[in-house]
Amino acid sequence: MIDTMNLINTIERLGVSYHFEDEIEEKLQQYFHLNTNYHDDEAYDLYTVALHFRLFRQHGYPISTEIFGKWSDAKGKFKESIKSDAKGLLSLYEASYLRTRAETILDDVLAFTTATLKSMMPNLGSTLKKQVERALVQPLHFGIPRLEARSYIAVHEEEEVHKNETLIKFAKLDYNLLQMLYKEELRQVSRWDFGEICRLPEYMRPLYKAILEVYIQFEGELAKEGRSYASYYTIEGLKELARCYYEEAKWFLEGNLPTFEEYLKNGLITSTFGYLVPSCFMGIGFARKEDFEWLSKKPKILVAAFTIGCLVGDVGSYETEMERDQLAIGVESYIKDNGVTKEEAMAKFMELSTNAFLDTNEEMLRPTCYKSRDLLTFILNFERLTYVTYKDKEDGYTHSEKGLKPLIVATLIDAFEGKFKESLKSEAKGMLSLYEASYLRTRGETILDEALSFTTATLKSMVPNLGSPLKKQVEHAAQRGAPASLKLKELVRYYFEEAKWFLEGNLPSFEEYLKLGLITSTFGYLVPSSFMGRGSAQKEDFEWLSKKPKIFVAALTIGRLLDDVGSSEFEMERGQLAIGVESYMKENGVTKEEAMTKFIKLLTNAWTESNEEMLKPSCYKSWDLLTRILNFDRLTDVTYKNNEDGYTQPKGLKPHIIVLLVDAFEG
């Protein structure tokens, strides 16, 4: 039992327990109903018993505080002898956050363990010291699960004993995969367009339009699942939120201070949880109509979430609001009603928030709750988010640079980097396979970037010592580079990067732009596609092309810069960034005309290089293939002749197409 519970704890803290939910639930149910002798069995030390208490409580099993009996005296106070057990105290500290209102012994435990761990910290070993430092700032139970998993992966990796290398690798891979999923979900967030909103003030129209479109889209999707009712409850939550925001705005604008009772009634709604929780339930396929009905009745756990969202937010944002000369309505109304100081008001708010957390803990226990634990956990996670955002009475939402930003970066951007073991270097066949596979990577897959550089360097060093067939394969792979079939994928990736610049209004450096723009000229895809249709084009011709010879780079340059010069006016008319021209202007402090002149000069140089490469004997390629590249240059020149965009405004191309495909000579 002890080993299994330790394994469950490790799996949960590494963030991979969702893969084993049924197995974990089966074991916890089995162990909870055992008559375990926690009091007399020496194997059950303080660390283990506190861990079991925390795990059972986290999963809703109402295990009694009596299991701590052998460490407490007749008055229920914990014995001084445990002060030397840092690991046990840390486990007990984390367990105390799962207490309910009636469990005063755990109130004492929290105070006792907090003070003792603080005094012990300077003398602790490195790994345990890090765990204690983090726990005192961020208790596990109040933490955002994905961020806690990231932190624990780093801690567990440093442990000298009880470290599970396989689980660590699995957790890192899982974290990175989920991160990619989150980013993909963010990219798929729709943009909306809606019709009649003419009766609204101009400044409100974009917001109202977007909100309406969201729910129209949701209703369509939910109807397919037979859950169209879900949007009704979310819309009702939004209406209630808007009404209470309006009331709060009146207090601000009129300078009126309501009674604390009036404020709290309104503030519980403007915590936004009455809208956000049903919105969250909309995206959960197993949330049924009765679950939304239950929510609409404002059950105890939801009211606890409202309270935490309101009061913890009030305490955290108080200083920010005062700096802005705003009314910090919650705190100031309590001060006025009760004749207390700011510090006393904040202490009261934290007391009320703590009680709300204890109510949540109680509601999460079985059989108190009849709801799915998954749904209850969603509510708990909103409370955790509030705690993390306004931790230590700081406004991490308004001051997001040091508050929320690092957490968002950790969740959505920073992946765990994988290093390949040196032992792989002796396996040439496997290295070759990994090398080929690495070309199928996408942006953000840093482990495959690492794989490419690692395998490239290693295979080059191995070539002299390889046997004949494998040696030829490695030499061929090293010369070939990225397969021609991946050129389209590369183009799409670069188009996506360019689209981000447009959508975010970001202007890259000219060097960044040109590196990407040479690919989005499309010639890197079109030229090899053209070669595919030529029976005379052999494998070595494609390999030559993949190395980007001088004539090909000249074509990429012509394709990119002629397009930029020709389309810049049209892009500016559409309110778009003419990224190439504008990035050059910004970086070099020149006018548009000077930037255009520079582009023309670069184009002229590219044409000159193309001409030079067409001369014999400098070129060893088939004249026919070189001419194909040259013809792409010519096509670009015709399309954007006289600095005009003949592609977007086809008055340029249309006559040429008619001449080629329609108008024949009359005979």
Foldseek 3Di string as FASTA:
>chain_A
DLVVLVVCVLCQLLPNCVVVVVVVVVVLVVVLPDPDDLQPDPVNDLLSLLSNLQVCLVQFAPDDPCSCVNQADPVLAGDPVCLVVLNSLLSLLLSLLLAFDVPVSSVNSNVVSLVSNVVCLVVDDDLSSVVSVCCNQPRPLLAQRLVSSVVVLVSLVPDPPPRDVVSSVVSQVVLLVVLVVVVVVVVPPDDFDDDDPVVDPPVCVRVVRRVVRVLVVLLVVCVVLVASVLSVQLVVLVVLLVVLVVVVVCCFVVVNADALVVCLVSQLSPLVLSNVLSVVLSPPSVCHPVNSVVVVVPDLLSSLLSLLSRLLQLLACVVVCVVVVTDSRNQVNCCVVPVDDSVVSNVVSVVSNSNSSSSLSVCSHPPNDPDDNVSSVVSSSSSSVSCQCRGPSHRCPVVVVPGVVVVCCVNNPDGDEDADDPVCLVPLVVLLVLLLVLLVDAPRPRNSVNSNVVSLVSLVVCLVPDDDPSSVSSVVDNLQPRDLVCLVVLLVRLVVVVVCCFVVVNADALVVCLVSLLSPLVLSNVLVVVLVPDPVDDPVNNSVVVVPDLLNSLLSLLSRLLQLLACVVVCVVVVTDSRNQVNVCVVVVDDSVVSNVVSVVSNVVSVVSLVVQLDPPNDPDDNVSSVSSVVSSVVSCQCRPPSHHCPVVVVRVVVVCCVVPPDDDDD
